[in-house]
Structures are given as structure tokens and as C-alpha cells.
Amino acid sequence: QLRGKAIALHSQVITEFCKSIGADQKQRQGLIRLAKKNG
């Protein structure tokens, strides 16, 4: 449960970052996949 909340929070941070720099949906998904691989 804690891990799921942390992953969801991290995905929200990535989404907000993508909105601030103007990245599209495909780039956002790529960053989330990269975060999972790094994790």
C-alpha cells in the first residue's frame, strides 16, 4: 500500500514537471517508464 502511494505520488510529480516544460503525453509516459526502470 505504501509503495503504491509512493509510485502514484512520483507519477504525479512527473506529470506536473511535464506540464511545466510543455512535454506531450508520449514524453510523459516515457519518463514514467524510465523512472520504473531506474527504480
PDB file of all heavy atoms in Angstrom:
ATOM      1  N   GLN A   1       0.833  -1.205   0.000  1.00  0.00           N
ATOM      2  CA  GLN A   1       0.000   0.000   0.000  1.00  0.00           C
ATOM      3  C   GLN A   1       0.867   1.255   0.000  1.00  0.00           C
ATOM      4  O   GLN A   1       0.624   2.195  -0.781  1.00  0.00           O
ATOM      5  CB  GLN A   1      -0.917   0.027   1.230  1.00  0.00           C
ATOM      6  CG  GLN A   1      -2.023  -1.003   1.186  1.00  0.00           C
ATOM      7  CD  GLN A   1      -2.791  -1.064   2.498  1.00  0.00           C
ATOM      8  OE1 GLN A   1      -2.349  -0.547   3.531  1.00  0.00           O
ATOM      9  NE2 GLN A   1      -3.951  -1.714   2.472  1.00  0.00           N
ATOM     10  N   LEU A   2       1.879   1.264   0.848  1.00  0.00           N
ATOM     11  CA  LEU A   2       2.784   2.416   0.900  1.00  0.00           C
ATOM     12  C   LEU A   2       3.547   2.586  -0.413  1.00  0.00           C
ATOM     13  O   LEU A   2       3.727   3.701  -0.901  1.00  0.00           O
ATOM     14  CB  LEU A   2       3.768   2.267   2.068  1.00  0.00           C
ATOM     15  CG  LEU A   2       3.165   2.356   3.469  1.00  0.00           C
ATOM     16  CD1 LEU A   2       4.204   1.982   4.518  1.00  0.00           C
ATOM     17  CD2 LEU A   2       2.637   3.749   3.714  1.00  0.00           C
ATOM     18  N   ARG A   3       3.988   1.468  -0.975  1.00  0.00           N
ATOM     19  CA  ARG A   3       4.709   1.527  -2.244  1.00  0.00           C
ATOM     20  C   ARG A   3       3.812   2.074  -3.350  1.00  0.00           C
ATOM     21  O   ARG A   3       4.234   2.900  -4.162  1.00  0.00           O
ATOM     22  CB  ARG A   3       5.208   0.142  -2.634  1.00  0.00           C
ATOM     23  CG  ARG A   3       5.927   0.140  -3.972  1.00  0.00           C
ATOM     24  CD  ARG A   3       6.276  -1.245  -4.435  1.00  0.00           C
ATOM     25  NE  ARG A   3       7.394  -1.765  -3.688  1.00  0.00           N
ATOM     26  CZ  ARG A   3       7.865  -2.996  -3.809  1.00  0.00           C
ATOM     27  NH1 ARG A   3       7.298  -3.840  -4.635  1.00  0.00           N
ATOM     28  NH2 ARG A   3       8.892  -3.403  -3.105  1.00  0.00           N
ATOM     29  N   GLY A   4       2.560   1.641  -3.386  1.00  0.00           N
ATOM     30  CA  GLY A   4       1.609   2.138  -4.379  1.00  0.00           C
ATOM     31  C   GLY A   4       1.383   3.634  -4.252  1.00  0.00           C
ATOM     32  O   GLY A   4       1.322   4.356  -5.260  1.00  0.00           O
ATOM     33  N   LYS A   5       1.272   4.113  -3.012  1.00  0.00           N
ATOM     34  CA  LYS A   5       1.097   5.558  -2.796  1.00  0.00           C
ATOM     35  C   LYS A   5       2.337   6.329  -3.246  1.00  0.00           C
ATOM     36  O   LYS A   5       2.225   7.402  -3.850  1.00  0.00           O
ATOM     37  CB  LYS A   5       0.813   5.849  -1.328  1.00  0.00           C
ATOM     38  CG  LYS A   5      -0.577   5.416  -0.892  1.00  0.00           C
ATOM     39  CD  LYS A   5      -0.816   5.693   0.576  1.00  0.00           C
ATOM     40  CE  LYS A   5      -2.173   5.178   1.008  1.00  0.00           C
ATOM     41  NZ  LYS A   5      -2.410   5.386   2.436  1.00  0.00           N
ATOM     42  N   ALA A   6       3.519   5.794  -2.961  1.00  0.00           N
ATOM     43  CA  ALA A   6       4.765   6.464  -3.358  1.00  0.00           C
ATOM     44  C   ALA A   6       4.897   6.508  -4.886  1.00  0.00           C
ATOM     45  O   ALA A   6       5.290   7.531  -5.452  1.00  0.00           O
ATOM     46  CB  ALA A   6       5.964   5.748  -2.743  1.00  0.00           C
ATOM     47  N   ILE A   7       4.534   5.427  -5.547  1.00  0.00           N
ATOM     48  CA  ILE A   7       4.606   5.389  -7.009  1.00  0.00           C
ATOM     49  C   ILE A   7       3.608   6.375  -7.610  1.00  0.00           C
ATOM     50  O   ILE A   7       3.926   7.108  -8.565  1.00  0.00           O
ATOM     51  CB  ILE A   7       4.370   3.953  -7.530  1.00  0.00           C
ATOM     52  CG1 ILE A   7       5.567   3.067  -7.158  1.00  0.00           C
ATOM     53  CG2 ILE A   7       4.135   3.940  -9.036  1.00  0.00           C
ATOM     54  CD1 ILE A   7       5.362   1.584  -7.433  1.00  0.00           C
ATOM     55  N   ALA A   8       2.395   6.421  -7.053  1.00  0.00           N
ATOM     56  CA  ALA A   8       1.388   7.363  -7.552  1.00  0.00           C
ATOM     57  C   ALA A   8       1.848   8.809  -7.355  1.00  0.00           C
ATOM     58  O   ALA A   8       1.689   9.645  -8.245  1.00  0.00           O
ATOM     59  CB  ALA A   8       0.059   7.125  -6.845  1.00  0.00           C
ATOM     60  N   LEU A   9       2.423   9.106  -6.186  1.00  0.00           N
ATOM     61  CA  LEU A   9       2.919  10.444  -5.919  1.00  0.00           C
ATOM     62  C   LEU A   9       4.050  10.819  -6.890  1.00  0.00           C
ATOM     63  O   LEU A   9       4.084  11.930  -7.418  1.00  0.00           O
ATOM     64  CB  LEU A   9       3.405  10.542  -4.472  1.00  0.00           C
ATOM     65  CG  LEU A   9       3.941  11.893  -4.015  1.00  0.00           C
ATOM     66  CD1 LEU A   9       2.826  12.938  -4.081  1.00  0.00           C
ATOM     67  CD2 LEU A   9       4.488  11.800  -2.603  1.00  0.00           C
ATOM     68  N   HIS A  10       4.944   9.881  -7.142  1.00  0.00           N
ATOM     69  CA  HIS A  10       6.044  10.136  -8.061  1.00  0.00           C
ATOM     70  C   HIS A  10       5.526  10.364  -9.486  1.00  0.00           C
ATOM     71  O   HIS A  10       6.034  11.225 -10.211  1.00  0.00           O
ATOM     72  CB  HIS A  10       7.043   8.979  -8.022  1.00  0.00           C
ATOM     73  CG  HIS A  10       8.342   9.290  -8.683  1.00  0.00           C
ATOM     74  ND1 HIS A  10       8.869   8.502  -9.683  1.00  0.00           N
ATOM     75  CD2 HIS A  10       9.226  10.304  -8.507  1.00  0.00           C
ATOM     76  CE1 HIS A  10      10.012   9.017 -10.083  1.00  0.00           C
ATOM     77  NE2 HIS A  10      10.255  10.100  -9.389  1.00  0.00           N
ATOM     78  N   SER A  11       4.513   9.601  -9.888  1.00  0.00           N
ATOM     79  CA  SER A  11       3.910   9.800 -11.210  1.00  0.00           C
ATOM     80  C   SER A  11       3.269  11.181 -11.324  1.00  0.00           C
ATOM     81  O   SER A  11       3.346  11.830 -12.378  1.00  0.00           O
ATOM     82  CB  SER A  11       2.869   8.721 -11.497  1.00  0.00           C
ATOM     83  OG  SER A  11       3.487   7.461 -11.581  1.00  0.00           O
ATOM     84  N   GLN A  12       2.655  11.651 -10.226  1.00  0.00           N
ATOM     85  CA  GLN A  12       2.066  12.997 -10.227  1.00  0.00           C
ATOM     86  C   GLN A  12       3.151  14.069 -10.360  1.00  0.00           C
ATOM     87  O   GLN A  12       2.962  15.063 -11.074  1.00  0.00           O
ATOM     88  CB  GLN A  12       1.264  13.234  -8.948  1.00  0.00           C
ATOM     89  CG  GLN A  12      -0.036  12.471  -8.900  1.00  0.00           C
ATOM     90  CD  GLN A  12      -0.749  12.634  -7.564  1.00  0.00           C
ATOM     91  OE1 GLN A  12      -0.241  13.290  -6.650  1.00  0.00           O
ATOM     92  NE2 GLN A  12      -1.921  12.024  -7.442  1.00  0.00           N
ATOM     93  N   VAL A  13       4.263  13.872  -9.695  1.00  0.00           N
ATOM     94  CA  VAL A  13       5.372  14.825  -9.790  1.00  0.00           C
ATOM     95  C   VAL A  13       5.896  14.867 -11.224  1.00  0.00           C
ATOM     96  O   VAL A  13       6.160  15.947 -11.781  1.00  0.00           O
ATOM     97  CB  VAL A  13       6.499  14.454  -8.792  1.00  0.00           C
ATOM     98  CG1 VAL A  13       7.759  15.261  -9.063  1.00  0.00           C
ATOM     99  CG2 VAL A  13       6.029  14.654  -7.377  1.00  0.00           C
ATOM    100  N   ILE A  14       6.032  13.700 -11.843  1.00  0.00           N
ATOM    101  CA  ILE A  14       6.492  13.650 -13.233  1.00  0.00           C
ATOM    102  C   ILE A  14       5.486  14.352 -14.146  1.00  0.00           C
ATOM    103  O   ILE A  14       5.873  15.109 -15.052  1.00  0.00           O
ATOM    104  CB  ILE A  14       6.725  12.185 -13.672  1.00  0.00           C
ATOM    105  CG1 ILE A  14       7.923  11.599 -12.919  1.00  0.00           C
ATOM    106  CG2 ILE A  14       6.940  12.086 -15.184  1.00  0.00           C
ATOM    107  CD1 ILE A  14       8.121  10.112 -13.115  1.00  0.00           C
ATOM    108  N   THR A  15       4.187  14.142 -13.904  1.00  0.00           N
ATOM    109  CA  THR A  15       3.154  14.783 -14.713  1.00  0.00           C
ATOM    110  C   THR A  15       3.210  16.298 -14.583  1.00  0.00           C
ATOM    111  O   THR A  15       3.134  17.027 -15.590  1.00  0.00           O
ATOM    112  CB  THR A  15       1.760  14.263 -14.305  1.00  0.00           C
ATOM    113  OG1 THR A  15       1.732  12.833 -14.481  1.00  0.00           O
ATOM    114  CG2 THR A  15       0.659  14.876 -15.138  1.00  0.00           C
ATOM    115  N   GLU A  16       3.355  16.797 -13.369  1.00  0.00           N
ATOM    116  CA  GLU A  16       3.453  18.240 -13.155  1.00  0.00           C
ATOM    117  C   GLU A  16       4.702  18.815 -13.825  1.00  0.00           C
ATOM    118  O   GLU A  16       4.671  19.898 -14.399  1.00  0.00           O
ATOM    119  CB  GLU A  16       3.454  18.574 -11.655  1.00  0.00           C
ATOM    120  CG  GLU A  16       2.133  18.301 -10.972  1.00  0.00           C
ATOM    121  CD  GLU A  16       0.991  19.122 -11.573  1.00  0.00           C
ATOM    122  OE1 GLU A  16       1.188  20.323 -11.865  1.00  0.00           O
ATOM    123  OE2 GLU A  16      -0.095  18.544 -11.769  1.00  0.00           O
ATOM    124  N   PHE A  17       5.809  18.073 -13.748  1.00  0.00           N
ATOM    125  CA  PHE A  17       7.031  18.509 -14.404  1.00  0.00           C
ATOM    126  C   PHE A  17       6.821  18.602 -15.921  1.00  0.00           C
ATOM    127  O   PHE A  17       7.241  19.568 -16.563  1.00  0.00           O
ATOM    128  CB  PHE A  17       8.178  17.545 -14.068  1.00  0.00           C
ATOM    129  CG  PHE A  17       9.431  17.815 -14.838  1.00  0.00           C
ATOM    130  CD1 PHE A  17      10.234  18.898 -14.518  1.00  0.00           C
ATOM    131  CD2 PHE A  17       9.817  16.997 -15.897  1.00  0.00           C
ATOM    132  CE1 PHE A  17      11.394  19.157 -15.230  1.00  0.00           C
ATOM    133  CE2 PHE A  17      10.971  17.260 -16.615  1.00  0.00           C
ATOM    134  CZ  PHE A  17      11.758  18.341 -16.283  1.00  0.00           C
ATOM    135  N   CYS A  18       6.165  17.608 -16.484  1.00  0.00           N
ATOM    136  CA  CYS A  18       5.911  17.604 -17.930  1.00  0.00           C
ATOM    137  C   CYS A  18       4.998  18.759 -18.338  1.00  0.00           C
ATOM    138  O   CYS A  18       5.185  19.349 -19.404  1.00  0.00           O
ATOM    139  CB  CYS A  18       5.308  16.269 -18.366  1.00  0.00           C
ATOM    140  SG  CYS A  18       6.495  14.919 -18.316  1.00  0.00           S
ATOM    141  N   LYS A  19       4.029  19.086 -17.485  1.00  0.00           N
ATOM    142  CA  LYS A  19       3.145  20.222 -17.778  1.00  0.00           C
ATOM    143  C   LYS A  19       3.943  21.522 -17.757  1.00  0.00           C
ATOM    144  O   LYS A  19       3.732  22.400 -18.587  1.00  0.00           O
ATOM    145  CB  LYS A  19       2.006  20.296 -16.759  1.00  0.00           C
ATOM    146  CG  LYS A  19       0.915  19.284 -16.987  1.00  0.00           C
ATOM    147  CD  LYS A  19      -0.176  19.457 -15.942  1.00  0.00           C
ATOM    148  CE  LYS A  19      -1.246  18.402 -16.064  1.00  0.00           C
ATOM    149  NZ  LYS A  19      -2.275  18.521 -15.014  1.00  0.00           N
ATOM    150  N   SER A  20       4.849  21.641 -16.800  1.00  0.00           N
ATOM    151  CA  SER A  20       5.603  22.891 -16.673  1.00  0.00           C
ATOM    152  C   SER A  20       6.571  23.118 -17.829  1.00  0.00           C
ATOM    153  O   SER A  20       6.831  24.254 -18.204  1.00  0.00           O
ATOM    154  CB  SER A  20       6.349  22.928 -15.336  1.00  0.00           C
ATOM    155  OG  SER A  20       7.386  21.972 -15.340  1.00  0.00           O
ATOM    156  N   ILE A  21       7.099  22.049 -18.417  1.00  0.00           N
ATOM    157  CA  ILE A  21       8.028  22.227 -19.534  1.00  0.00           C
ATOM    158  C   ILE A  21       7.337  22.085 -20.888  1.00  0.00           C
ATOM    159  O   ILE A  21       7.970  22.260 -21.925  1.00  0.00           O
ATOM    160  CB  ILE A  21       9.225  21.259 -19.447  1.00  0.00           C
ATOM    161  CG1 ILE A  21       8.772  19.800 -19.573  1.00  0.00           C
ATOM    162  CG2 ILE A  21      10.018  21.477 -18.187  1.00  0.00           C
ATOM    163  CD1 ILE A  21       9.911  18.821 -19.781  1.00  0.00           C
ATOM    164  N   GLY A  22       6.064  21.719 -20.879  1.00  0.00           N
ATOM    165  CA  GLY A  22       5.311  21.598 -22.125  1.00  0.00           C
ATOM    166  C   GLY A  22       5.534  20.288 -22.866  1.00  0.00           C
ATOM    167  O   GLY A  22       5.388  20.239 -24.085  1.00  0.00           O
ATOM    168  N   ALA A  23       5.866  19.224 -22.152  1.00  0.00           N
ATOM    169  CA  ALA A  23       6.069  17.910 -22.777  1.00  0.00           C
ATOM    170  C   ALA A  23       4.714  17.269 -23.083  1.00  0.00           C
ATOM    171  O   ALA A  23       3.752  17.444 -22.331  1.00  0.00           O
ATOM    172  CB  ALA A  23       6.883  17.010 -21.855  1.00  0.00           C
ATOM    173  N   ASP A  24       4.654  16.512 -24.166  1.00  0.00           N
ATOM    174  CA  ASP A  24       3.396  15.868 -24.523  1.00  0.00           C
ATOM    175  C   ASP A  24       3.216  14.546 -23.763  1.00  0.00           C
ATOM    176  O   ASP A  24       4.078  14.136 -22.974  1.00  0.00           O
ATOM    177  CB  ASP A  24       3.306  15.652 -26.037  1.00  0.00           C
ATOM    178  CG  ASP A  24       4.376  14.701 -26.559  1.00  0.00           C
ATOM    179  OD1 ASP A  24       5.298  14.380 -25.798  1.00  0.00           O
ATOM    180  OD2 ASP A  24       4.273  14.289 -27.733  1.00  0.00           O
ATOM    181  N   GLN A  25       2.078  13.873 -24.028  1.00  0.00           N
ATOM    182  CA  GLN A  25       1.710  12.642 -23.310  1.00  0.00           C
ATOM    183  C   GLN A  25       2.734  11.529 -23.544  1.00  0.00           C
ATOM    184  O   GLN A  25       3.068  10.793 -22.614  1.00  0.00           O
ATOM    185  CB  GLN A  25       0.314  12.199 -23.784  1.00  0.00           C
ATOM    186  CG  GLN A  25      -0.274  11.028 -23.045  1.00  0.00           C
ATOM    187  CD  GLN A  25      -0.765  11.388 -21.661  1.00  0.00           C
ATOM    188  OE1 GLN A  25      -0.861  12.554 -21.296  1.00  0.00           O
ATOM    189  NE2 GLN A  25      -1.057  10.386 -20.868  1.00  0.00           N
ATOM    190  N   LYS A  26       3.226  11.421 -24.751  1.00  0.00           N
ATOM    191  CA  LYS A  26       4.185  10.364 -25.073  1.00  0.00           C
ATOM    192  C   LYS A  26       5.492  10.543 -24.296  1.00  0.00           C
ATOM    193  O   LYS A  26       6.058   9.578 -23.781  1.00  0.00           O
ATOM    194  CB  LYS A  26       4.446  10.358 -26.581  1.00  0.00           C
ATOM    195  CG  LYS A  26       5.219   9.166 -27.053  1.00  0.00           C
ATOM    196  CD  LYS A  26       5.300   9.138 -28.564  1.00  0.00           C
ATOM    197  CE  LYS A  26       6.048   7.927 -29.038  1.00  0.00           C
ATOM    198  NZ  LYS A  26       6.126   7.866 -30.498  1.00  0.00           N
ATOM    199  N   GLN A  27       5.954  11.763 -24.189  1.00  0.00           N
ATOM    200  CA  GLN A  27       7.186  12.026 -23.427  1.00  0.00           C
ATOM    201  C   GLN A  27       6.973  11.755 -21.946  1.00  0.00           C
ATOM    202  O   GLN A  27       7.855  11.241 -21.261  1.00  0.00           O
ATOM    203  CB  GLN A  27       7.635  13.466 -23.651  1.00  0.00           C
ATOM    204  CG  GLN A  27       8.162  13.721 -25.044  1.00  0.00           C
ATOM    205  CD  GLN A  27       8.443  15.184 -25.291  1.00  0.00           C
ATOM    206  OE1 GLN A  27       7.770  16.067 -24.751  1.00  0.00           O
ATOM    207  NE2 GLN A  27       9.448  15.459 -26.131  1.00  0.00           N
ATOM    208  N   ARG A  28       5.782  12.104 -21.445  1.00  0.00           N
ATOM    209  CA  ARG A  28       5.464  11.851 -20.040  1.00  0.00           C
ATOM    210  C   ARG A  28       5.477  10.347 -19.751  1.00  0.00           C
ATOM    211  O   ARG A  28       6.060   9.901 -18.751  1.00  0.00           O
ATOM    212  CB  ARG A  28       4.089  12.438 -19.695  1.00  0.00           C
ATOM    213  CG  ARG A  28       3.709  12.247 -18.223  1.00  0.00           C
ATOM    214  CD  ARG A  28       2.307  12.771 -17.928  1.00  0.00           C
ATOM    215  NE  ARG A  28       1.274  11.860 -18.379  1.00  0.00           N
ATOM    216  CZ  ARG A  28       0.859  10.791 -17.686  1.00  0.00           C
ATOM    217  NH1 ARG A  28       1.394  10.505 -16.524  1.00  0.00           N
ATOM    218  NH2 ARG A  28      -0.082  10.017 -18.161  1.00  0.00           N
ATOM    219  N   GLN A  29       4.871   9.568 -20.638  1.00  0.00           N
ATOM    220  CA  GLN A  29       4.873   8.112 -20.454  1.00  0.00           C
ATOM    221  C   GLN A  29       6.286   7.548 -20.503  1.00  0.00           C
ATOM    222  O   GLN A  29       6.624   6.630 -19.741  1.00  0.00           O
ATOM    223  CB  GLN A  29       4.012   7.442 -21.527  1.00  0.00           C
ATOM    224  CG  GLN A  29       2.531   7.648 -21.326  1.00  0.00           C
ATOM    225  CD  GLN A  29       1.703   7.061 -22.462  1.00  0.00           C
ATOM    226  OE1 GLN A  29       2.238   6.679 -23.502  1.00  0.00           O
ATOM    227  NE2 GLN A  29       0.396   6.995 -22.258  1.00  0.00           N
ATOM    228  N   GLY A  30       7.107   8.107 -21.385  1.00  0.00           N
ATOM    229  CA  GLY A  30       8.497   7.665 -21.455  1.00  0.00           C
ATOM    230  C   GLY A  30       9.255   7.954 -20.171  1.00  0.00           C
ATOM    231  O   GLY A  30      10.052   7.140 -19.709  1.00  0.00           O
ATOM    232  N   LEU A  31       8.991   9.128 -19.564  1.00  0.00           N
ATOM    233  CA  LEU A  31       9.651   9.462 -18.288  1.00  0.00           C
ATOM    234  C   LEU A  31       9.190   8.544 -17.165  1.00  0.00           C
ATOM    235  O   LEU A  31       9.991   8.149 -16.311  1.00  0.00           O
ATOM    236  CB  LEU A  31       9.386  10.924 -17.929  1.00  0.00           C
ATOM    237  CG  LEU A  31      10.147  11.962 -18.747  1.00  0.00           C
ATOM    238  CD1 LEU A  31       9.680  13.367 -18.382  1.00  0.00           C
ATOM    239  CD2 LEU A  31      11.644  11.821 -18.528  1.00  0.00           C
ATOM    240  N   ILE A  32       7.900   8.197 -17.157  1.00  0.00           N
ATOM    241  CA  ILE A  32       7.395   7.289 -16.114  1.00  0.00           C
ATOM    242  C   ILE A  32       8.016   5.902 -16.277  1.00  0.00           C
ATOM    243  O   ILE A  32       8.425   5.274 -15.290  1.00  0.00           O
ATOM    244  CB  ILE A  32       5.856   7.241 -16.141  1.00  0.00           C
ATOM    245  CG1 ILE A  32       5.305   8.589 -15.659  1.00  0.00           C
ATOM    246  CG2 ILE A  32       5.320   6.111 -15.272  1.00  0.00           C
ATOM    247  CD1 ILE A  32       3.803   8.729 -15.775  1.00  0.00           C
ATOM    248  N   ARG A  33       8.145   5.422 -17.514  1.00  0.00           N
ATOM    249  CA  ARG A  33       8.802   4.129 -17.748  1.00  0.00           C
ATOM    250  C   ARG A  33      10.267   4.168 -17.323  1.00  0.00           C
ATOM    251  O   ARG A  33      10.784   3.216 -16.739  1.00  0.00           O
ATOM    252  CB  ARG A  33       8.698   3.743 -19.218  1.00  0.00           C
ATOM    253  CG  ARG A  33       7.327   3.279 -19.615  1.00  0.00           C
ATOM    254  CD  ARG A  33       7.329   2.652 -21.005  1.00  0.00           C
ATOM    255  NE  ARG A  33       5.982   2.359 -21.400  1.00  0.00           N
ATOM    256  CZ  ARG A  33       5.315   3.009 -22.350  1.00  0.00           C
ATOM    257  NH1 ARG A  33       5.901   3.987 -23.015  1.00  0.00           N
ATOM    258  NH2 ARG A  33       4.077   2.686 -22.650  1.00  0.00           N
ATOM    259  N   LEU A  34      10.921   5.272 -17.616  1.00  0.00           N
ATOM    260  CA  LEU A  34      12.322   5.429 -17.217  1.00  0.00           C
ATOM    261  C   LEU A  34      12.460   5.418 -15.697  1.00  0.00           C
ATOM    262  O   LEU A  34      13.381   4.804 -15.149  1.00  0.00           O
ATOM    263  CB  LEU A  34      12.894   6.730 -17.788  1.00  0.00           C
ATOM    264  CG  LEU A  34      14.354   7.026 -17.474  1.00  0.00           C
ATOM    265  CD1 LEU A  34      15.254   5.958 -18.070  1.00  0.00           C
ATOM    266  CD2 LEU A  34      14.730   8.396 -17.993  1.00  0.00           C
ATOM    267  N   ALA A  35      11.516   6.073 -15.011  1.00  0.00           N
ATOM    268  CA  ALA A  35      11.541   6.078 -13.547  1.00  0.00           C
ATOM    269  C   ALA A  35      11.365   4.659 -12.998  1.00  0.00           C
ATOM    270  O   ALA A  35      12.021   4.269 -12.023  1.00  0.00           O
ATOM    271  CB  ALA A  35      10.445   6.993 -13.005  1.00  0.00           C
ATOM    272  N   LYS A  36      10.504   3.872 -13.635  1.00  0.00           N
ATOM    273  CA  LYS A  36      10.301   2.496 -13.186  1.00  0.00           C
ATOM    274  C   LYS A  36      11.571   1.672 -13.385  1.00  0.00           C
ATOM    275  O   LYS A  36      11.987   0.930 -12.485  1.00  0.00           O
ATOM    276  CB  LYS A  36       9.142   1.849 -13.939  1.00  0.00           C
ATOM    277  CG  LYS A  36       8.861   0.451 -13.457  1.00  0.00           C
ATOM    278  CD  LYS A  36       7.714  -0.201 -14.174  1.00  0.00           C
ATOM    279  CE  LYS A  36       7.521  -1.589 -13.590  1.00  0.00           C
ATOM    280  NZ  LYS A  36       6.820  -2.477 -14.462  1.00  0.00           N
ATOM    281  N   LYS A  37      12.204   1.811 -14.548  1.00  0.00           N
ATOM    282  CA  LYS A  37      13.452   1.073 -14.805  1.00  0.00           C
ATOM    283  C   LYS A  37      14.543   1.462 -13.819  1.00  0.00           C
ATOM    284  O   LYS A  37      15.276   0.612 -13.307  1.00  0.00           O
ATOM    285  CB  LYS A  37      13.929   1.315 -16.232  1.00  0.00           C
ATOM    286  CG  LYS A  37      13.143   0.589 -17.280  1.00  0.00           C
ATOM    287  CD  LYS A  37      13.711   0.854 -18.654  1.00  0.00           C
ATOM    288  CE  LYS A  37      12.865   0.209 -19.732  1.00  0.00           C
ATOM    289  NZ  LYS A  37      13.378   0.516 -21.080  1.00  0.00           N
ATOM    290  N   ASN A  38      14.660   2.754 -13.544  1.00  0.00           N
ATOM    291  CA  ASN A  38      15.663   3.206 -12.572  1.00  0.00           C
ATOM    292  C   ASN A  38      15.360   2.678 -11.180  1.00  0.00           C
ATOM    293  O   ASN A  38      16.272   2.316 -10.434  1.00  0.00           O
ATOM    294  CB  ASN A  38      15.747   4.739 -12.568  1.00  0.00           C
ATOM    295  CG  ASN A  38      16.423   5.277 -13.810  1.00  0.00           C
ATOM    296  OD1 ASN A  38      17.174   4.584 -14.464  1.00  0.00           O
ATOM    297  ND2 ASN A  38      16.116   6.528 -14.142  1.00  0.00           N
ATOM    298  N   GLY A  39      14.080   2.649 -10.815  1.00  0.00           N
ATOM    299  CA  GLY A  39      13.683   2.114  -9.511  1.00  0.00           C
ATOM    300  C   GLY A  39      14.034   0.633  -9.384  1.00  0.00           C
ATOM    301  O   GLY A  39      14.459   0.171  -8.333  1.00  0.00           O
TER     302      GLY A  39
END
